[in-house]
Amino acid sequence: MQRRLYKQGIELSIIGFGGMVLVGMGQKRAEATVARSIDRGINYFDVAPFYGAGEAETKLGAALGSRRKDVFLACKTLERTAAGAQRELEHSLRALRTDHLDLYQFHAVTEKSEVQAIFDRAGAAETFLEARRKGTVRFIGFSAHSVEAALALLGRFEFDSILFPVNFVCYAKGNFGPQVLRKAGELRVARLALKALAHRPWRKGEERTYPNCWYRPIEDPDLARQALRFSLSQGVTAAIPPGDERLFNMVLDMADDLPPMTAEEQARLLATAARLRPLMRVRDDASK
């Protein structure tokens, strides 16, 4: 599988493994899924303590076993205080059976007030910096669910990477993403992509056929391939597919054939989003 530069000479597989895939699996199946993913060339694994209320971390930690050294392991916290982040970091290290995380991230930052809380005295940033000093965390990053929060974070600290939705529908109908990736590129912050295969929000009363996805994902392989190619053409290092085994396997099957999109191809894909409702859109005050 193709790999791209992350930081300090580290290269990541262009397709990452999202820990939500393991939620609902038996342990033996989880171990087989992780082993097959590594054998196929995936070395970027991302998980969080709230995926399946701890299930994903526990299963991934056991599944990695002696192959922990072969992967770049990323984790996250929703905690905004130093004490809360420290507790969660220690819990994640135990659950994942490792003495360090390659990447630790402030997760799902949405409001500017959260940015302030993270960097306040006794904020979570203190835990992150101390963990990096001790070697229990190698790189520091964040994920954000708003343009406003992402830009505020990028202007506040020298992050190693950002994990952000990079989705053609959100680009076309919500103006959501390009300004963040552009800023991250200017600051030489590595860009990691989420939500590449998000198609639209679930409709009220619609049967949720993908219980691990909080949005309606793209099922059609041809459109999914185009959507992935689009996201990977926006200067990102890697993209994490939805946390569903069926969709992950579909992406794995196409992972060796995801060439960059030309400008013309991107324009044609963006035009197909005309009647779709974006999962996320920029706020009117995002640049203020």
Protein backbone atom coordinates (compact mmCIF):
# COMPACT_ATOMS: atom_id res chain seq x y z
CA MET A 1 0.00 0.00 0.00
CA GLN A 2 1.21 3.47 -0.83
CA ARG A 3 2.62 5.47 2.08
CA ARG A 4 3.05 9.21 2.51
CA LEU A 5 5.22 11.33 4.77
CA TYR A 6 3.82 12.22 8.18
CA LYS A 7 6.63 13.78 10.25
CA GLN A 8 10.32 13.22 10.96
CA GLY A 9 10.71 10.67 8.17
CA ILE A 10 7.73 8.58 9.33
CA GLU A 11 5.52 7.38 6.50
CA LEU A 12 1.92 6.28 6.99
CA SER A 13 -0.26 4.06 4.84
CA ILE A 14 -2.69 6.20 2.88
CA ILE A 15 -5.54 4.17 4.39
CA GLY A 16 -5.75 4.07 8.17
CA PHE A 17 -7.49 1.59 10.44
CA GLY A 18 -10.26 3.13 12.53
CA GLY A 19 -10.76 1.32 15.84
CA MET A 20 -14.56 1.54 15.55
CA VAL A 21 -14.31 -1.32 13.05
CA LEU A 22 -13.68 -3.67 15.99
CA VAL A 23 -16.77 -2.69 17.96
CA GLY A 24 -19.20 -5.61 17.94
CA MET A 25 -16.58 -8.16 16.83
CA GLY A 26 -15.43 -11.18 18.79
CA GLN A 27 -11.79 -11.09 19.90
CA LYS A 28 -10.58 -13.80 17.51
CA ARG A 29 -12.16 -12.03 14.57
CA ALA A 30 -10.70 -8.72 15.75
CA GLU A 31 -7.24 -10.26 15.88
CA ALA A 32 -7.63 -11.71 12.38
CA THR A 33 -8.87 -8.35 11.04
CA VAL A 34 -5.95 -6.44 12.54
CA ALA A 35 -3.40 -9.01 11.34
CA ARG A 36 -4.83 -8.97 7.81
CA SER A 37 -4.76 -5.17 7.76
CA ILE A 38 -1.10 -5.05 8.77
CA ASP A 39 -0.26 -7.75 6.21
CA ARG A 40 -1.97 -5.64 3.54
CA GLY A 41 0.28 -2.70 4.39
CA ILE A 42 -1.71 -0.63 6.89
CA ASN A 43 0.54 0.81 9.58
CA TYR A 44 -1.65 3.71 10.80
CA PHE A 45 -4.14 2.74 13.54
CA ASP A 46 -6.48 5.21 15.24
CA VAL A 47 -8.64 4.51 18.29
CA ALA A 48 -10.29 6.24 21.24
CA PRO A 49 -11.46 5.19 24.72
CA PHE A 50 -15.09 6.01 23.97
CA TYR A 51 -15.30 3.76 20.90
CA GLY A 52 -17.68 1.10 22.12
CA ALA A 53 -17.20 2.30 25.72
CA GLY A 54 -13.64 0.96 25.75
CA GLU A 55 -14.27 -2.11 23.61
CA ALA A 56 -12.20 -0.91 20.66
CA GLU A 57 -9.12 -0.11 22.76
CA THR A 58 -9.21 -3.42 24.62
CA LYS A 59 -9.62 -5.49 21.47
CA LEU A 60 -7.02 -3.54 19.52
CA GLY A 61 -4.48 -3.77 22.32
CA ALA A 62 -4.84 -7.54 22.47
CA ALA A 63 -4.87 -7.86 18.69
CA LEU A 64 -1.69 -5.87 18.13
CA GLY A 65 0.37 -7.92 20.58
CA SER A 66 3.92 -8.37 19.31
CA ARG A 67 3.08 -6.34 16.19
CA ARG A 68 2.69 -3.11 18.16
CA LYS A 69 6.19 -2.15 16.99
CA ASP A 70 5.05 -2.37 13.36
CA VAL A 71 2.34 0.30 13.61
CA PHE A 72 1.85 4.00 14.24
CA LEU A 73 -0.74 4.08 17.01
CA ALA A 74 -2.92 7.15 17.48
CA CYS A 75 -5.40 7.78 20.29
CA LYS A 76 -7.60 10.66 21.47
CA THR A 77 -9.25 12.23 24.47
CA LEU A 78 -12.39 14.30 24.96
CA GLU A 79 -11.04 15.56 28.27
CA ARG A 80 -10.19 19.27 28.44
CA THR A 81 -8.52 19.40 31.87
CA ALA A 82 -5.03 18.20 32.74
CA ALA A 83 -6.30 15.80 35.41
CA GLY A 84 -8.96 14.32 33.15
CA ALA A 85 -6.57 13.92 30.23
CA GLN A 86 -3.99 12.26 32.52
CA ARG A 87 -6.52 9.70 33.76
CA GLU A 88 -7.67 8.93 30.25
CA LEU A 89 -4.13 8.70 28.88
CA GLU A 90 -3.15 6.21 31.58
CA HIS A 91 -6.30 4.18 30.93
CA SER A 92 -5.63 4.10 27.17
CA LEU A 93 -2.03 2.98 27.65
CA ARG A 94 -3.20 0.08 29.84
CA ALA A 95 -6.03 -0.93 27.52
CA LEU A 96 -3.79 -0.80 24.45
CA ARG A 97 -1.01 -2.70 26.25
CA THR A 98 1.65 -0.21 25.26
CA ASP A 99 4.11 2.10 26.98
CA HIS A 100 3.59 4.94 24.52
CA LEU A 101 1.30 6.42 21.91
CA ASP A 102 2.74 7.61 18.63
CA LEU A 103 0.08 10.32 18.38
CA TYR A 104 -2.21 11.73 21.06
CA GLN A 105 -5.01 14.08 20.04
CA PHE A 106 -7.52 16.49 21.52
CA HIS A 107 -10.66 15.03 20.00
CA ALA A 108 -13.77 16.59 18.48
CA VAL A 109 -12.99 20.17 19.46
CA THR A 110 -15.96 22.21 18.27
CA GLU A 111 -16.19 25.47 20.24
CA LYS A 112 -13.64 28.22 20.87
CA SER A 113 -14.39 27.83 24.59
CA GLU A 114 -12.94 24.31 24.39
CA VAL A 115 -9.77 25.68 22.82
CA GLN A 116 -9.44 28.11 25.72
CA ALA A 117 -10.08 25.36 28.28
CA ILE A 118 -7.39 23.13 26.74
CA PHE A 119 -4.74 25.84 27.04
CA ASP A 120 -5.87 27.35 30.35
CA ARG A 121 -3.89 26.70 33.51
CA ALA A 122 -4.51 23.04 34.46
CA GLY A 123 -5.84 22.47 30.95
CA ALA A 124 -5.31 19.26 28.98
CA ALA A 125 -2.37 20.76 27.07
CA GLU A 126 -0.31 20.46 30.26
CA THR A 127 -0.78 16.69 30.28
CA PHE A 128 0.05 16.39 26.61
CA LEU A 129 3.27 18.36 26.92
CA GLU A 130 4.42 16.45 29.99
CA ALA A 131 3.63 13.12 28.29
CA ARG A 132 5.68 14.15 25.28
CA ARG A 133 8.55 15.17 27.56
CA LYS A 134 8.45 11.75 29.24
CA GLY A 135 8.15 9.85 25.96
CA THR A 136 4.71 8.36 26.57
CA VAL A 137 3.48 10.47 23.64
CA ARG A 138 5.58 11.10 20.52
CA PHE A 139 3.41 13.53 18.55
CA ILE A 140 0.58 15.90 19.48
CA GLY A 141 -2.46 16.57 17.32
CA PHE A 142 -6.17 17.29 17.37
CA SER A 143 -9.40 16.56 15.59
CA ALA A 144 -12.06 19.22 15.16
CA HIS A 145 -15.67 19.26 14.05
CA SER A 146 -15.82 22.94 13.16
CA VAL A 147 -13.76 25.24 10.98
CA GLU A 148 -13.82 27.84 13.73
CA ALA A 149 -12.25 25.53 16.32
CA ALA A 150 -9.72 24.10 13.88
CA LEU A 151 -8.41 27.52 12.87
CA ALA A 152 -8.27 28.64 16.50
CA LEU A 153 -6.24 25.57 17.46
CA LEU A 154 -3.87 25.93 14.52
CA GLY A 155 -3.16 29.49 15.63
CA ARG A 156 -2.57 28.51 19.24
CA PHE A 157 0.08 25.76 19.23
CA GLU A 158 2.64 24.06 17.00
CA PHE A 159 0.74 20.84 16.35
CA ASP A 160 2.21 17.87 14.52
CA SER A 161 -1.04 16.93 12.78
CA ILE A 162 -4.73 17.64 12.39
CA LEU A 163 -7.43 14.98 11.90
CA PHE A 164 -10.27 16.66 10.04
CA PRO A 165 -13.28 15.83 7.82
CA VAL A 166 -12.21 15.99 4.18
CA ASN A 167 -15.31 15.19 2.17
CA PHE A 168 -16.39 16.18 -1.32
CA VAL A 169 -20.00 16.95 -0.35
CA CYS A 170 -18.88 19.18 2.53
CA TYR A 171 -16.44 20.92 0.19
CA ALA A 172 -19.08 21.48 -2.49
CA LYS A 173 -22.11 22.41 -0.36
CA GLY A 174 -20.71 23.53 2.99
CA ASN A 175 -17.40 25.25 2.14
CA PHE A 176 -16.17 23.02 4.95
CA GLY A 177 -12.53 22.01 4.90
CA PRO A 178 -10.46 23.80 2.27
CA GLN A 179 -9.58 26.78 4.49
CA VAL A 180 -8.47 24.48 7.32
CA LEU A 181 -6.29 22.27 5.13
CA ARG A 182 -4.79 25.34 3.49
CA LYS A 183 -3.86 26.82 6.89
CA ALA A 184 -2.46 23.52 8.11
CA GLY A 185 -0.36 23.25 4.97
CA GLU A 186 1.02 26.75 5.46
CA LEU A 187 2.05 25.79 9.01
CA ARG A 188 3.48 22.44 7.89
CA VAL A 189 1.01 20.53 10.04
CA ALA A 190 0.39 17.02 8.71
CA ARG A 191 -3.19 16.49 7.55
CA LEU A 192 -5.17 13.32 8.25
CA ALA A 193 -8.64 12.83 6.80
CA LEU A 194 -11.94 11.71 8.31
CA LYS A 195 -15.38 11.34 6.75
CA ALA A 196 -14.16 10.78 3.18
CA LEU A 197 -17.07 8.36 2.62
CA ALA A 198 -19.78 10.39 4.35
CA HIS A 199 -22.65 10.97 1.91
CA ARG A 200 -25.28 12.78 3.98
CA PRO A 201 -26.88 12.85 7.44
CA TRP A 202 -29.27 10.04 8.32
CA ARG A 203 -32.86 11.06 7.64
CA LYS A 204 -35.41 11.05 10.44
CA GLY A 205 -36.87 7.56 10.74
CA GLU A 206 -34.39 6.08 8.28
CA GLU A 207 -33.13 2.59 9.13
CA ARG A 208 -29.53 2.91 10.26
CA THR A 209 -27.99 -0.01 8.41
CA TYR A 210 -24.50 0.97 9.57
CA PRO A 211 -24.80 1.21 13.37
CA ASN A 212 -21.17 2.28 13.85
CA CYS A 213 -21.65 5.30 11.54
CA TRP A 214 -23.45 8.43 12.74
CA TYR A 215 -23.94 9.49 9.09
CA ARG A 216 -25.15 7.79 5.90
CA PRO A 217 -22.00 6.42 4.25
CA ILE A 218 -21.30 5.87 0.57
CA GLU A 219 -21.94 2.22 -0.31
CA ASP A 220 -21.40 2.25 -4.07
CA PRO A 221 -17.79 1.12 -4.75
CA ASP A 222 -17.34 3.39 -7.76
CA LEU A 223 -18.48 6.51 -5.91
CA ALA A 224 -16.55 5.45 -2.80
CA ARG A 225 -13.37 5.18 -4.85
CA GLN A 226 -13.93 8.66 -6.31
CA ALA A 227 -14.65 10.09 -2.85
CA LEU A 228 -11.46 8.57 -1.43
CA ARG A 229 -9.40 9.78 -4.36
CA PHE A 230 -10.81 13.27 -3.83
CA SER A 231 -9.88 13.33 -0.14
CA LEU A 232 -6.41 11.93 -0.79
CA SER A 233 -5.89 14.61 -3.45
CA GLN A 234 -6.22 17.45 -0.92
CA GLY A 235 -2.67 17.22 0.44
CA VAL A 236 -3.50 14.70 3.17
CA THR A 237 -1.20 11.95 4.42
CA ALA A 238 -3.89 9.34 5.06
CA ALA A 239 -7.64 8.80 5.26
CA ILE A 240 -9.52 6.70 7.81
CA PRO A 241 -12.58 4.86 6.40
CA PRO A 242 -15.87 4.60 8.33
CA GLY A 243 -15.92 2.35 11.38
CA ASP A 244 -17.82 -0.48 9.72
CA GLU A 245 -16.23 -3.79 8.74
CA ARG A 246 -18.06 -3.97 5.41
CA LEU A 247 -16.99 -0.49 4.35
CA PHE A 248 -13.46 -1.00 5.63
CA ASN A 249 -13.12 -4.19 3.57
CA MET A 250 -14.44 -2.36 0.50
CA VAL A 251 -11.80 0.33 0.93
CA LEU A 252 -9.08 -2.23 1.55
CA ASP A 253 -9.94 -3.88 -1.77
CA MET A 254 -9.42 -0.61 -3.66
CA ALA A 255 -6.49 0.73 -1.63
CA ASP A 256 -3.85 -0.18 -4.22
CA ASP A 257 -5.57 1.82 -6.95
CA LEU A 258 -6.24 5.34 -5.68
CA PRO A 259 -4.35 7.70 -7.98
CA PRO A 260 -4.63 11.46 -7.44
CA MET A 261 -7.60 13.17 -9.08
CA THR A 262 -7.10 15.74 -11.78
CA ALA A 263 -8.74 19.15 -11.38
CA GLU A 264 -11.30 18.17 -14.02
CA GLU A 265 -12.17 14.95 -12.21
CA GLN A 266 -12.58 16.82 -8.94
CA ALA A 267 -14.87 19.39 -10.57
CA ARG A 268 -17.09 16.64 -12.00
CA LEU A 269 -17.36 14.92 -8.63
CA LEU A 270 -18.16 18.15 -6.79
CA ALA A 271 -20.94 18.86 -9.29
CA THR A 272 -22.67 15.59 -8.32
CA ALA A 273 -23.20 16.94 -4.80
CA ALA A 274 -25.62 19.65 -5.98
CA ARG A 275 -28.71 18.05 -4.42
CA LEU A 276 -27.08 16.60 -1.32
CA ARG A 277 -27.17 18.00 2.19
CA PRO A 278 -23.64 18.23 3.63
CA LEU A 279 -22.85 16.52 6.90
CA MET A 280 -20.99 19.66 8.00
CA ARG A 281 -20.89 23.25 6.81
CA VAL A 282 -18.89 26.33 7.71
CA ARG A 283 -20.41 28.69 10.26
CA ASP A 284 -21.05 32.27 9.27
CA ASP A 285 -18.62 33.46 11.97
CA ALA A 286 -15.92 30.85 11.37
CA SER A 287 -13.32 33.34 10.23
CA LYS A 288 -13.93 35.80 13.09
